[in-house]
PDB file of all heavy atoms in Angstrom:
ATOM      1  N   VAL A   1      -3.479  21.484  -3.665  1.00  0.00           N
ATOM      2  CA  VAL A   1      -3.397  22.717  -4.451  1.00  0.00           C
ATOM      3  C   VAL A   1      -1.941  23.184  -4.524  1.00  0.00           C
ATOM      4  O   VAL A   1      -1.217  23.192  -3.522  1.00  0.00           O
ATOM      5  CB  VAL A   1      -4.280  23.813  -3.835  1.00  0.00           C
ATOM      6  CG1 VAL A   1      -4.064  25.147  -4.541  1.00  0.00           C
ATOM      7  CG2 VAL A   1      -5.736  23.420  -3.934  1.00  0.00           C
ATOM      8  N   LYS A   2      -1.536  23.581  -5.717  1.00  0.00           N
ATOM      9  CA  LYS A   2      -0.180  24.060  -5.918  1.00  0.00           C
ATOM     10  C   LYS A   2       0.022  25.422  -5.251  1.00  0.00           C
ATOM     11  O   LYS A   2      -0.930  26.195  -5.081  1.00  0.00           O
ATOM     12  CB  LYS A   2       0.122  24.188  -7.416  1.00  0.00           C
ATOM     13  CG  LYS A   2       0.228  22.870  -8.147  1.00  0.00           C
ATOM     14  CD  LYS A   2       0.576  23.101  -9.612  1.00  0.00           C
ATOM     15  CE  LYS A   2       0.758  21.793 -10.361  1.00  0.00           C
ATOM     16  NZ  LYS A   2       1.097  22.005 -11.787  1.00  0.00           N
ATOM     17  N   SER A   3       1.256  25.715  -4.913  1.00  0.00           N
ATOM     18  CA  SER A   3       1.604  27.021  -4.359  1.00  0.00           C
ATOM     19  C   SER A   3       1.372  28.100  -5.408  1.00  0.00           C
ATOM     20  O   SER A   3       1.720  27.936  -6.577  1.00  0.00           O
ATOM     21  CB  SER A   3       3.069  27.028  -3.918  1.00  0.00           C
ATOM     22  OG  SER A   3       3.444  28.302  -3.450  1.00  0.00           O
ATOM     23  N   GLY A   4       0.754  29.196  -4.980  1.00  0.00           N
ATOM     24  CA  GLY A   4       0.559  30.328  -5.872  1.00  0.00           C
ATOM     25  C   GLY A   4      -0.748  30.334  -6.627  1.00  0.00           C
ATOM     26  O   GLY A   4      -1.042  31.289  -7.358  1.00  0.00           O
ATOM     27  N   VAL A   5      -1.545  29.261  -6.511  1.00  0.00           N
ATOM     28  CA  VAL A   5      -2.862  29.231  -7.148  1.00  0.00           C
ATOM     29  C   VAL A   5      -3.909  28.947  -6.084  1.00  0.00           C
ATOM     30  O   VAL A   5      -3.582  28.565  -4.955  1.00  0.00           O
ATOM     31  CB  VAL A   5      -2.946  28.185  -8.276  1.00  0.00           C
ATOM     32  CG1 VAL A   5      -1.965  28.500  -9.376  1.00  0.00           C
ATOM     33  CG2 VAL A   5      -2.710  26.775  -7.734  1.00  0.00           C
ATOM     34  N   ARG A   6      -5.179  29.132  -6.430  1.00  0.00           N
ATOM     35  CA  ARG A   6      -6.234  28.918  -5.451  1.00  0.00           C
ATOM     36  C   ARG A   6      -7.257  27.928  -5.990  1.00  0.00           C
ATOM     37  O   ARG A   6      -7.414  27.733  -7.196  1.00  0.00           O
ATOM     38  CB  ARG A   6      -6.953  30.232  -5.110  1.00  0.00           C
ATOM     39  CG  ARG A   6      -7.668  30.882  -6.292  1.00  0.00           C
ATOM     40  CD  ARG A   6      -8.567  32.013  -5.844  1.00  0.00           C
ATOM     41  NE  ARG A   6      -9.587  31.567  -4.915  1.00  0.00           N
ATOM     42  CZ  ARG A   6     -10.719  30.960  -5.283  1.00  0.00           C
ATOM     43  NH1 ARG A   6     -10.940  30.697  -6.552  1.00  0.00           N
ATOM     44  NH2 ARG A   6     -11.608  30.593  -4.379  1.00  0.00           N
ATOM     45  N   HIS A   7      -7.952  27.295  -5.052  1.00  0.00           N
ATOM     46  CA  HIS A   7      -9.070  26.413  -5.373  1.00  0.00           C
ATOM     47  C   HIS A   7      -9.910  26.271  -4.114  1.00  0.00           C
ATOM     48  O   HIS A   7      -9.391  26.380  -2.992  1.00  0.00           O
ATOM     49  CB  HIS A   7      -8.575  25.040  -5.847  1.00  0.00           C
ATOM     50  CG  HIS A   7      -9.626  24.228  -6.552  1.00  0.00           C
ATOM     51  ND1 HIS A   7     -10.613  23.555  -5.876  1.00  0.00           N
ATOM     52  CD2 HIS A   7      -9.841  23.989  -7.871  1.00  0.00           C
ATOM     53  CE1 HIS A   7     -11.394  22.935  -6.755  1.00  0.00           C
ATOM     54  NE2 HIS A   7     -10.939  23.191  -7.975  1.00  0.00           N
ATOM     55  N   THR A   8     -11.214  26.048  -4.298  1.00  0.00           N
ATOM     56  CA  THR A   8     -12.113  25.861  -3.155  1.00  0.00           C
ATOM     57  C   THR A   8     -11.635  24.737  -2.251  1.00  0.00           C
ATOM     58  O   THR A   8     -11.728  24.823  -1.025  1.00  0.00           O
ATOM     59  CB  THR A   8     -13.537  25.560  -3.648  1.00  0.00           C
ATOM     60  OG1 THR A   8     -14.035  26.709  -4.343  1.00  0.00           O
ATOM     61  CG2 THR A   8     -14.472  25.237  -2.499  1.00  0.00           C
ATOM     62  N   PHE A   9     -11.120  23.658  -2.863  1.00  0.00           N
ATOM     63  CA  PHE A   9     -10.647  22.515  -2.092  1.00  0.00           C
ATOM     64  C   PHE A   9      -9.125  22.564  -1.997  1.00  0.00           C
ATOM     65  O   PHE A   9      -8.433  22.609  -3.008  1.00  0.00           O
ATOM     66  CB  PHE A   9     -11.090  21.212  -2.754  1.00  0.00           C
ATOM     67  CG  PHE A   9     -12.573  21.121  -2.993  1.00  0.00           C
ATOM     68  CD1 PHE A   9     -13.074  20.957  -4.274  1.00  0.00           C
ATOM     69  CD2 PHE A   9     -13.467  21.219  -1.935  1.00  0.00           C
ATOM     70  CE1 PHE A   9     -14.438  20.874  -4.499  1.00  0.00           C
ATOM     71  CE2 PHE A   9     -14.836  21.149  -2.144  1.00  0.00           C
ATOM     72  CZ  PHE A   9     -15.330  20.981  -3.432  1.00  0.00           C
ATOM     73  N   SER A  10      -8.629  22.510  -0.780  1.00  0.00           N
ATOM     74  CA  SER A  10      -7.178  22.522  -0.598  1.00  0.00           C
ATOM     75  C   SER A  10      -6.570  21.164  -0.910  1.00  0.00           C
ATOM     76  O   SER A  10      -5.393  21.059  -1.252  1.00  0.00           O
ATOM     77  CB  SER A  10      -6.835  22.911   0.844  1.00  0.00           C
ATOM     78  OG  SER A  10      -7.311  21.934   1.773  1.00  0.00           O
ATOM     79  N   ARG A  11      -7.398  20.121  -0.823  1.00  0.00           N
ATOM     80  CA  ARG A  11      -6.901  18.754  -1.040  1.00  0.00           C
ATOM     81  C   ARG A  11      -8.066  17.872  -1.469  1.00  0.00           C
ATOM     82  O   ARG A  11      -9.209  18.059  -1.018  1.00  0.00           O
ATOM     83  CB  ARG A  11      -6.294  18.227   0.258  1.00  0.00           C
ATOM     84  CG  ARG A  11      -5.843  16.773   0.219  1.00  0.00           C
ATOM     85  CD  ARG A  11      -5.383  16.327   1.600  1.00  0.00           C
ATOM     86  NE  ARG A  11      -5.264  14.883   1.719  1.00  0.00           N
ATOM     87  CZ  ARG A  11      -5.286  14.221   2.869  1.00  0.00           C
ATOM     88  NH1 ARG A  11      -5.400  14.890   4.004  1.00  0.00           N
ATOM     89  NH2 ARG A  11      -5.189  12.912   2.899  1.00  0.00           N
ATOM     90  N   ARG A  12      -7.778  16.925  -2.364  1.00  0.00           N
ATOM     91  CA  ARG A  12      -8.762  15.952  -2.798  1.00  0.00           C
ATOM     92  C   ARG A  12      -8.091  14.585  -2.790  1.00  0.00           C
ATOM     93  O   ARG A  12      -7.076  14.390  -3.445  1.00  0.00           O
ATOM     94  CB  ARG A  12      -9.252  16.272  -4.211  1.00  0.00           C
ATOM     95  CG  ARG A  12      -9.787  17.654  -4.362  1.00  0.00           C
ATOM     96  CD  ARG A  12      -9.866  18.126  -5.799  1.00  0.00           C
ATOM     97  NE  ARG A  12     -11.041  17.623  -6.506  1.00  0.00           N
ATOM     98  CZ  ARG A  12     -11.623  18.288  -7.505  1.00  0.00           C
ATOM     99  NH1 ARG A  12     -11.139  19.447  -7.907  1.00  0.00           N
ATOM    100  NH2 ARG A  12     -12.682  17.786  -8.096  1.00  0.00           N
ATOM    101  N   THR A  13      -8.656  13.641  -2.043  1.00  0.00           N
ATOM    102  CA  THR A  13      -8.156  12.274  -2.061  1.00  0.00           C
ATOM    103  C   THR A  13      -9.105  11.447  -2.912  1.00  0.00           C
ATOM    104  O   THR A  13     -10.286  11.325  -2.596  1.00  0.00           O
ATOM    105  CB  THR A  13      -8.055  11.684  -0.650  1.00  0.00           C
ATOM    106  OG1 THR A  13      -7.209  12.517   0.150  1.00  0.00           O
ATOM    107  CG2 THR A  13      -7.465  10.283  -0.700  1.00  0.00           C
ATOM    108  N   MET A  14      -8.580  10.902  -4.008  1.00  0.00           N
ATOM    109  CA  MET A  14      -9.413  10.214  -4.990  1.00  0.00           C
ATOM    110  C   MET A  14      -9.125   8.718  -4.968  1.00  0.00           C
ATOM    111  O   MET A  14      -7.972   8.297  -4.859  1.00  0.00           O
ATOM    112  CB  MET A  14      -9.143  10.775  -6.388  1.00  0.00           C
ATOM    113  CG  MET A  14      -9.323  12.284  -6.487  1.00  0.00           C
ATOM    114  SD  MET A  14      -8.905  12.899  -8.142  1.00  0.00           S
ATOM    115  CE  MET A  14      -9.095  14.669  -7.889  1.00  0.00           C
ATOM    116  N   TYR A  15     -10.192   7.928  -5.096  1.00  0.00           N
ATOM    117  CA  TYR A  15     -10.099   6.473  -5.088  1.00  0.00           C
ATOM    118  C   TYR A  15     -10.562   5.973  -6.456  1.00  0.00           C
ATOM    119  O   TYR A  15     -11.744   6.061  -6.795  1.00  0.00           O
ATOM    120  CB  TYR A  15     -10.951   5.896  -3.962  1.00  0.00           C
ATOM    121  CG  TYR A  15     -10.567   6.445  -2.603  1.00  0.00           C
ATOM    122  CD1 TYR A  15     -11.177   7.594  -2.101  1.00  0.00           C
ATOM    123  CD2 TYR A  15      -9.571   5.835  -1.843  1.00  0.00           C
ATOM    124  CE1 TYR A  15     -10.816   8.118  -0.867  1.00  0.00           C
ATOM    125  CE2 TYR A  15      -9.207   6.350  -0.602  1.00  0.00           C
ATOM    126  CZ  TYR A  15      -9.830   7.489  -0.122  1.00  0.00           C
ATOM    127  OH  TYR A  15      -9.457   8.012   1.101  1.00  0.00           O
ATOM    128  N   VAL A  16      -9.616   5.455  -7.249  1.00  0.00           N
ATOM    129  CA  VAL A  16      -9.849   5.155  -8.658  1.00  0.00           C
ATOM    130  C   VAL A  16      -9.880   3.645  -8.862  1.00  0.00           C
ATOM    131  O   VAL A  16      -8.896   2.953  -8.590  1.00  0.00           O
ATOM    132  CB  VAL A  16      -8.747   5.795  -9.542  1.00  0.00           C
ATOM    133  CG1 VAL A  16      -9.082   5.615 -11.020  1.00  0.00           C
ATOM    134  CG2 VAL A  16      -8.581   7.283  -9.205  1.00  0.00           C
ATOM    135  N   ASP A  17     -11.011   3.149  -9.349  1.00  0.00           N
ATOM    136  CA  ASP A  17     -11.186   1.720  -9.592  1.00  0.00           C
ATOM    137  C   ASP A  17     -10.115   1.202 -10.543  1.00  0.00           C
ATOM    138  O   ASP A  17      -9.904   1.743 -11.630  1.00  0.00           O
ATOM    139  CB  ASP A  17     -12.580   1.481 -10.179  1.00  0.00           C
ATOM    140  CG  ASP A  17     -12.820   0.037 -10.559  1.00  0.00           C
ATOM    141  OD1 ASP A  17     -12.258  -0.853  -9.905  1.00  0.00           O
ATOM    142  OD2 ASP A  17     -13.574  -0.190 -11.533  1.00  0.00           O
ATOM    143  N   GLU A  18      -9.430   0.136 -10.137  1.00  0.00           N
ATOM    144  CA  GLU A  18      -8.332  -0.425 -10.931  1.00  0.00           C
ATOM    145  C   GLU A  18      -8.802  -0.942 -12.284  1.00  0.00           C
ATOM    146  O   GLU A  18      -8.080  -0.875 -13.274  1.00  0.00           O
ATOM    147  CB  GLU A  18      -7.678  -1.567 -10.146  1.00  0.00           C
ATOM    148  CG  GLU A  18      -6.546  -2.254 -10.890  1.00  0.00           C
ATOM    149  CD  GLU A  18      -6.061  -3.495 -10.172  1.00  0.00           C
ATOM    150  OE1 GLU A  18      -6.913  -4.356  -9.832  1.00  0.00           O
ATOM    151  OE2 GLU A  18      -4.846  -3.604  -9.954  1.00  0.00           O
ATOM    152  N   ASP A  19     -10.051  -1.438 -12.345  1.00  0.00           N
ATOM    153  CA  ASP A  19     -10.524  -2.085 -13.568  1.00  0.00           C
ATOM    154  C   ASP A  19     -11.103  -1.097 -14.576  1.00  0.00           C
ATOM    155  O   ASP A  19     -10.822  -1.197 -15.766  1.00  0.00           O
ATOM    156  CB  ASP A  19     -11.570  -3.146 -13.223  1.00  0.00           C
ATOM    157  CG  ASP A  19     -10.996  -4.270 -12.373  1.00  0.00           C
ATOM    158  OD1 ASP A  19      -9.851  -4.674 -12.644  1.00  0.00           O
ATOM    159  OD2 ASP A  19     -11.676  -4.727 -11.443  1.00  0.00           O
ATOM    160  N   SER A  20     -11.919  -0.166 -14.126  1.00  0.00           N
ATOM    161  CA  SER A  20     -12.614   0.736 -15.049  1.00  0.00           C
ATOM    162  C   SER A  20     -11.935   2.096 -15.181  1.00  0.00           C
ATOM    163  O   SER A  20     -12.273   2.864 -16.077  1.00  0.00           O
ATOM    164  CB  SER A  20     -14.051   0.962 -14.568  1.00  0.00           C
ATOM    165  OG  SER A  20     -14.056   1.687 -13.346  1.00  0.00           O
ATOM    166  N   TRP A  21     -11.021   2.423 -14.280  1.00  0.00           N
ATOM    167  CA  TRP A  21     -10.361   3.730 -14.208  1.00  0.00           C
ATOM    168  C   TRP A  21     -11.324   4.874 -13.877  1.00  0.00           C
ATOM    169  O   TRP A  21     -11.013   6.038 -14.088  1.00  0.00           O
ATOM    170  CB  TRP A  21      -9.574   4.054 -15.482  1.00  0.00           C
ATOM    171  CG  TRP A  21      -8.420   3.132 -15.684  1.00  0.00           C
ATOM    172  CD1 TRP A  21      -8.292   2.170 -16.638  1.00  0.00           C
ATOM    173  CD2 TRP A  21      -7.239   3.040 -14.877  1.00  0.00           C
ATOM    174  NE1 TRP A  21      -7.113   1.496 -16.497  1.00  0.00           N
ATOM    175  CE2 TRP A  21      -6.448   2.007 -15.415  1.00  0.00           C
ATOM    176  CE3 TRP A  21      -6.786   3.732 -13.758  1.00  0.00           C
ATOM    177  CZ2 TRP A  21      -5.213   1.639 -14.871  1.00  0.00           C
ATOM    178  CZ3 TRP A  21      -5.557   3.373 -13.211  1.00  0.00           C
ATOM    179  CH2 TRP A  21      -4.787   2.342 -13.774  1.00  0.00           C
ATOM    180  N   SER A  22     -12.474   4.544 -13.323  1.00  0.00           N
ATOM    181  CA  SER A  22     -13.408   5.574 -12.861  1.00  0.00           C
ATOM    182  C   SER A  22     -13.066   5.966 -11.427  1.00  0.00           C
ATOM    183  O   SER A  22     -12.767   5.105 -10.597  1.00  0.00           O
ATOM    184  CB  SER A  22     -14.852   5.053 -12.906  1.00  0.00           C
ATOM    185  OG  SER A  22     -15.279   4.846 -14.231  1.00  0.00           O
ATOM    186  N   ILE A  23     -13.103   7.282 -11.154  1.00  0.00           N
ATOM    187  CA  ILE A  23     -13.000   7.734  -9.766  1.00  0.00           C
ATOM    188  C   ILE A  23     -14.304   7.364  -9.085  1.00  0.00           C
ATOM    189  O   ILE A  23     -15.365   7.884  -9.415  1.00  0.00           O
ATOM    190  CB  ILE A  23     -12.756   9.249  -9.681  1.00  0.00           C
ATOM    191  CG1 ILE A  23     -11.429   9.621 -10.353  1.00  0.00           C
ATOM    192  CG2 ILE A  23     -12.767   9.709  -8.224  1.00  0.00           C
ATOM    193  CD1 ILE A  23     -11.178  11.117 -10.428  1.00  0.00           C
ATOM    194  N   MET A  24     -14.244   6.463  -8.125  1.00  0.00           N
ATOM    195  CA  MET A  24     -15.450   5.958  -7.493  1.00  0.00           C
ATOM    196  C   MET A  24     -15.763   6.664  -6.178  1.00  0.00           C
ATOM    197  O   MET A  24     -16.882   6.565  -5.671  1.00  0.00           O
ATOM    198  CB  MET A  24     -15.329   4.451  -7.257  1.00  0.00           C
ATOM    199  CG  MET A  24     -15.183   3.646  -8.542  1.00  0.00           C
ATOM    200  SD  MET A  24     -16.500   3.965  -9.733  1.00  0.00           S
ATOM    201  CE  MET A  24     -17.934   3.493  -8.800  1.00  0.00           C
ATOM    202  N   ALA A  25     -14.796   7.351  -5.612  1.00  0.00           N
ATOM    203  CA  ALA A  25     -15.042   8.106  -4.382  1.00  0.00           C
ATOM    204  C   ALA A  25     -13.931   9.130  -4.234  1.00  0.00           C
ATOM    205  O   ALA A  25     -12.834   8.959  -4.768  1.00  0.00           O
ATOM    206  CB  ALA A  25     -15.069   7.181  -3.161  1.00  0.00           C
ATOM    207  N   GLN A  26     -14.250  10.221  -3.533  1.00  0.00           N
ATOM    208  CA  GLN A  26     -13.204  11.174  -3.196  1.00  0.00           C
ATOM    209  C   GLN A  26     -13.596  11.972  -1.968  1.00  0.00           C
ATOM    210  O   GLN A  26     -14.779  12.229  -1.715  1.00  0.00           O
ATOM    211  CB  GLN A  26     -12.873  12.100  -4.358  1.00  0.00           C
ATOM    212  CG  GLN A  26     -13.944  13.031  -4.849  1.00  0.00           C
ATOM    213  CD  GLN A  26     -13.418  14.004  -5.896  1.00  0.00           C
ATOM    214  OE1 GLN A  26     -12.443  14.713  -5.668  1.00  0.00           O
ATOM    215  NE2 GLN A  26     -14.066  14.046  -7.045  1.00  0.00           N
ATOM    216  N   ASP A  27     -12.589  12.302  -1.172  1.00  0.00           N
ATOM    217  CA  ASP A  27     -12.745  13.150   0.006  1.00  0.00           C
ATOM    218  C   ASP A  27     -12.218  14.538  -0.333  1.00  0.00           C
ATOM    219  O   ASP A  27     -11.122  14.681  -0.901  1.00  0.00           O
ATOM    220  CB  ASP A  27     -11.965  12.576   1.202  1.00  0.00           C
ATOM    221  CG  ASP A  27     -12.472  11.198   1.606  1.00  0.00           C
ATOM    222  OD1 ASP A  27     -13.698  10.984   1.548  1.00  0.00           O
ATOM    223  OD2 ASP A  27     -11.647  10.339   1.963  1.00  0.00           O
ATOM    224  N   LEU A  28     -12.984  15.568   0.029  1.00  0.00           N
ATOM    225  CA  LEU A  28     -12.672  16.946  -0.340  1.00  0.00           C
ATOM    226  C   LEU A  28     -12.480  17.761   0.939  1.00  0.00           C
ATOM    227  O   LEU A  28     -13.341  17.738   1.833  1.00  0.00           O
ATOM    228  CB  LEU A  28     -13.816  17.532  -1.183  1.00  0.00           C
ATOM    229  CG  LEU A  28     -14.140  16.709  -2.441  1.00  0.00           C
ATOM    230  CD1 LEU A  28     -15.591  16.893  -2.849  1.00  0.00           C
ATOM    231  CD2 LEU A  28     -13.227  17.083  -3.579  1.00  0.00           C
ATOM    232  N   TYR A  29     -11.365  18.490   1.013  1.00  0.00           N
ATOM    233  CA  TYR A  29     -10.984  19.198   2.231  1.00  0.00           C
ATOM    234  C   TYR A  29     -11.045  20.712   2.022  1.00  0.00           C
ATOM    235  O   TYR A  29     -10.762  21.219   0.926  1.00  0.00           O
ATOM    236  CB  TYR A  29      -9.568  18.792   2.644  1.00  0.00           C
ATOM    237  CG  TYR A  29      -9.448  17.342   3.047  1.00  0.00           C
ATOM    238  CD1 TYR A  29      -9.320  16.338   2.081  1.00  0.00           C
ATOM    239  CD2 TYR A  29      -9.477  16.954   4.385  1.00  0.00           C
ATOM    240  CE1 TYR A  29      -9.223  14.996   2.440  1.00  0.00           C
ATOM    241  CE2 TYR A  29      -9.373  15.620   4.762  1.00  0.00           C
ATOM    242  CZ  TYR A  29      -9.248  14.647   3.779  1.00  0.00           C
ATOM    243  OH  TYR A  29      -9.153  13.326   4.133  1.00  0.00           O
ATOM    244  N   ASP A  30     -11.407  21.429   3.091  1.00  0.00           N
ATOM    245  CA  ASP A  30     -11.484  22.890   3.005  1.00  0.00           C
ATOM    246  C   ASP A  30     -10.107  23.513   3.186  1.00  0.00           C
ATOM    247  O   ASP A  30      -9.092  22.813   3.322  1.00  0.00           O
ATOM    248  CB  ASP A  30     -12.497  23.445   4.007  1.00  0.00           C
ATOM    249  CG  ASP A  30     -12.110  23.192   5.474  1.00  0.00           C
ATOM    250  OD1 ASP A  30     -10.922  22.879   5.745  1.00  0.00           O
ATOM    251  OD2 ASP A  30     -12.993  23.314   6.341  1.00  0.00           O
ATOM    252  N   MET A  31     -10.056  24.842   3.201  1.00  0.00           N
ATOM    253  CA  MET A  31      -8.778  25.540   3.269  1.00  0.00           C
ATOM    254  C   MET A  31      -8.086  25.376   4.613  1.00  0.00           C
ATOM    255  O   MET A  31      -6.902  25.666   4.757  1.00  0.00           O
ATOM    256  CB  MET A  31      -8.972  27.027   2.955  1.00  0.00           C
ATOM    257  CG  MET A  31      -9.481  27.304   1.542  1.00  0.00           C
ATOM    258  SD  MET A  31      -8.490  26.484   0.264  1.00  0.00           S
ATOM    259  CE  MET A  31      -6.918  27.325   0.465  1.00  0.00           C
ATOM    260  N   GLN A  32      -8.806  24.942   5.636  1.00  0.00           N
ATOM    261  CA  GLN A  32      -8.206  24.667   6.949  1.00  0.00           C
ATOM    262  C   GLN A  32      -7.752  23.215   7.069  1.00  0.00           C
ATOM    263  O   GLN A  32      -7.276  22.798   8.127  1.00  0.00           O
ATOM    264  CB  GLN A  32      -9.211  24.978   8.070  1.00  0.00           C
ATOM    265  CG  GLN A  32      -9.432  26.471   8.334  1.00  0.00           C
ATOM    266  CD  GLN A  32     -10.225  27.137   7.223  1.00  0.00           C
ATOM    267  OE1 GLN A  32     -11.261  26.612   6.800  1.00  0.00           O
ATOM    268  NE2 GLN A  32      -9.748  28.274   6.745  1.00  0.00           N
ATOM    269  N   GLY A  33      -7.898  22.466   5.982  1.00  0.00           N
ATOM    270  CA  GLY A  33      -7.478  21.070   5.999  1.00  0.00           C
ATOM    271  C   GLY A  33      -8.471  20.127   6.635  1.00  0.00           C
ATOM    272  O   GLY A  33      -8.149  18.967   6.907  1.00  0.00           O
ATOM    273  N   LYS A  34      -9.720  20.602   6.871  1.00  0.00           N
ATOM    274  CA  LYS A  34     -10.746  19.763   7.477  1.00  0.00           C
ATOM    275  C   LYS A  34     -11.589  19.099   6.386  1.00  0.00           C
ATOM    276  O   LYS A  34     -11.884  19.709   5.362  1.00  0.00           O
ATOM    277  CB  LYS A  34     -11.648  20.599   8.389  1.00  0.00           C
ATOM    278  CG  LYS A  34     -10.921  21.218   9.572  1.00  0.00           C
ATOM    279  CD  LYS A  34     -11.882  22.046  10.414  1.00  0.00           C
ATOM    280  CE  LYS A  34     -11.167  22.683  11.597  1.00  0.00           C
ATOM    281  NZ  LYS A  34     -12.092  23.523  12.406  1.00  0.00           N
ATOM    282  N   LEU A  35     -11.972  17.852   6.646  1.00  0.00           N
ATOM    283  CA  LEU A  35     -12.829  17.146   5.701  1.00  0.00           C
ATOM    284  C   LEU A  35     -14.142  17.903   5.552  1.00  0.00           C
ATOM    285  O   LEU A  35     -14.826  18.180   6.541  1.00  0.00           O
ATOM    286  CB  LEU A  35     -13.089  15.715   6.180  1.00  0.00           C
ATOM    287  CG  LEU A  35     -13.918  14.832   5.245  1.00  0.00           C
ATOM    288  CD1 LEU A  35     -13.258  14.672   3.889  1.00  0.00           C
ATOM    289  CD2 LEU A  35     -14.151  13.462   5.882  1.00  0.00           C
ATOM    290  N   TRP A  36     -14.495  18.236   4.320  1.00  0.00           N
ATOM    291  CA  TRP A  36     -15.640  19.094   4.042  1.00  0.00           C
ATOM    292  C   TRP A  36     -16.754  18.322   3.335  1.00  0.00           C
ATOM    293  O   TRP A  36     -17.885  18.284   3.797  1.00  0.00           O
ATOM    294  CB  TRP A  36     -15.161  20.270   3.194  1.00  0.00           C
ATOM    295  CG  TRP A  36     -16.201  21.278   2.800  1.00  0.00           C
ATOM    296  CD1 TRP A  36     -17.500  21.361   3.253  1.00  0.00           C
ATOM    297  CD2 TRP A  36     -16.033  22.366   1.875  1.00  0.00           C
ATOM    298  NE1 TRP A  36     -18.148  22.414   2.684  1.00  0.00           N
ATOM    299  CE2 TRP A  36     -17.270  23.052   1.821  1.00  0.00           C
ATOM    300  CE3 TRP A  36     -14.969  22.811   1.103  1.00  0.00           C
ATOM    301  CZ2 TRP A  36     -17.460  24.166   1.014  1.00  0.00           C
ATOM    302  CZ3 TRP A  36     -15.152  23.914   0.296  1.00  0.00           C
ATOM    303  CH2 TRP A  36     -16.389  24.591   0.260  1.00  0.00           C
ATOM    304  N   ARG A  37     -16.408  17.694   2.234  1.00  0.00           N
ATOM    305  CA  ARG A  37     -17.398  16.980   1.443  1.00  0.00           C
ATOM    306  C   ARG A  37     -16.872  15.605   1.039  1.00  0.00           C
ATOM    307  O   ARG A  37     -15.666  15.391   0.989  1.00  0.00           O
ATOM    308  CB  ARG A  37     -17.779  17.772   0.189  1.00  0.00           C
ATOM    309  CG  ARG A  37     -18.477  19.081   0.501  1.00  0.00           C
ATOM    310  CD  ARG A  37     -18.713  19.905  -0.743  1.00  0.00           C
ATOM    311  NE  ARG A  37     -19.419  21.140  -0.427  1.00  0.00           N
ATOM    312  CZ  ARG A  37     -19.629  22.130  -1.285  1.00  0.00           C
ATOM    313  NH1 ARG A  37     -19.189  22.020  -2.537  1.00  0.00           N
ATOM    314  NH2 ARG A  37     -20.291  23.206  -0.921  1.00  0.00           N
ATOM    315  N   SER A  38     -17.806  14.724   0.730  1.00  0.00           N
ATOM    316  CA  SER A  38     -17.452  13.382   0.285  1.00  0.00           C
ATOM    317  C   SER A  38     -18.311  13.041  -0.920  1.00  0.00           C
ATOM    318  O   SER A  38     -19.524  13.246  -0.900  1.00  0.00           O
ATOM    319  CB  SER A  38     -17.685  12.370   1.406  1.00  0.00           C
ATOM    320  OG  SER A  38     -17.410  11.053   0.959  1.00  0.00           O
ATOM    321  N   MET A  39     -17.678  12.538  -1.988  1.00  0.00           N
ATOM    322  CA  MET A  39     -18.397  12.154  -3.195  1.00  0.00           C
ATOM    323  C   MET A  39     -18.311  10.649  -3.421  1.00  0.00           C
ATOM    324  O   MET A  39     -17.301  10.023  -3.094  1.00  0.00           O
ATOM    325  CB  MET A  39     -17.819  12.857  -4.433  1.00  0.00           C
ATOM    326  CG  MET A  39     -18.072  14.337  -4.510  1.00  0.00           C
ATOM    327  SD  MET A  39     -17.511  15.024  -6.110  1.00  0.00           S
ATOM    328  CE  MET A  39     -18.785  14.383  -7.229  1.00  0.00           C
ATOM    329  N   GLU A  40     -19.389  10.083  -3.958  1.00  0.00           N
ATOM    330  CA  GLU A  40     -19.392   8.687  -4.375  1.00  0.00           C
ATOM    331  C   GLU A  40     -19.934   8.583  -5.794  1.00  0.00           C
ATOM    332  O   GLU A  40     -20.954   9.195  -6.117  1.00  0.00           O
ATOM    333  CB  GLU A  40     -20.285   7.835  -3.461  1.00  0.00           C
ATOM    334  CG  GLU A  40     -19.609   7.343  -2.213  1.00  0.00           C
ATOM    335  CD  GLU A  40     -20.445   6.287  -1.518  1.00  0.00           C
ATOM    336  OE1 GLU A  40     -21.652   6.153  -1.830  1.00  0.00           O
ATOM    337  OE2 GLU A  40     -19.885   5.583  -0.674  1.00  0.00           O
ATOM    338  N   GLY A  41     -19.237   7.840  -6.635  1.00  0.00           N
ATOM    339  CA  GLY A  41     -19.766   7.511  -7.947  1.00  0.00           C
ATOM    340  C   GLY A  41     -20.487   6.180  -7.879  1.00  0.00           C
ATOM    341  O   GLY A  41     -20.481   5.492  -6.858  1.00  0.00           O
ATOM    342  N   THR A  42     -21.137   5.810  -8.957  1.00  0.00           N
ATOM    343  CA  THR A  42     -21.745   4.483  -9.080  1.00  0.00           C
ATOM    344  C   THR A  42     -21.384   3.945 -10.453  1.00  0.00           C
ATOM    345  O   THR A  42     -21.131   4.708 -11.380  1.00  0.00           O
ATOM    346  CB  THR A  42     -23.281   4.545  -8.935  1.00  0.00           C
ATOM    347  OG1 THR A  42     -23.817   5.400  -9.957  1.00  0.00           O
ATOM    348  CG2 THR A  42     -23.673   5.086  -7.564  1.00  0.00           C
ATOM    349  N   LEU A  43     -21.354   2.644 -10.578  1.00  0.00           N
ATOM    350  CA  LEU A  43     -20.853   2.056 -11.820  1.00  0.00           C
ATOM    351  C   LEU A  43     -21.686   0.853 -12.225  1.00  0.00           C
ATOM    352  O   LEU A  43     -22.149   0.091 -11.373  1.00  0.00           O
ATOM    353  CB  LEU A  43     -19.387   1.653 -11.643  1.00  0.00           C
ATOM    354  CG  LEU A  43     -18.648   1.128 -12.872  1.00  0.00           C
ATOM    355  CD1 LEU A  43     -17.215   1.628 -12.896  1.00  0.00           C
ATOM    356  CD2 LEU A  43     -18.667  -0.393 -12.896  1.00  0.00           C
TER     357      LEU A  43
END
């Protein structure tokens, strides 16, 4: 998250498939920097 703005997730680490350019997974962190949620796509 940029300085001066807000968002529920302070950080998102995204894993983007080289071939399809789809985000296939991402880790979502709370405002304390702790891992909060994890998403998986399917293709």
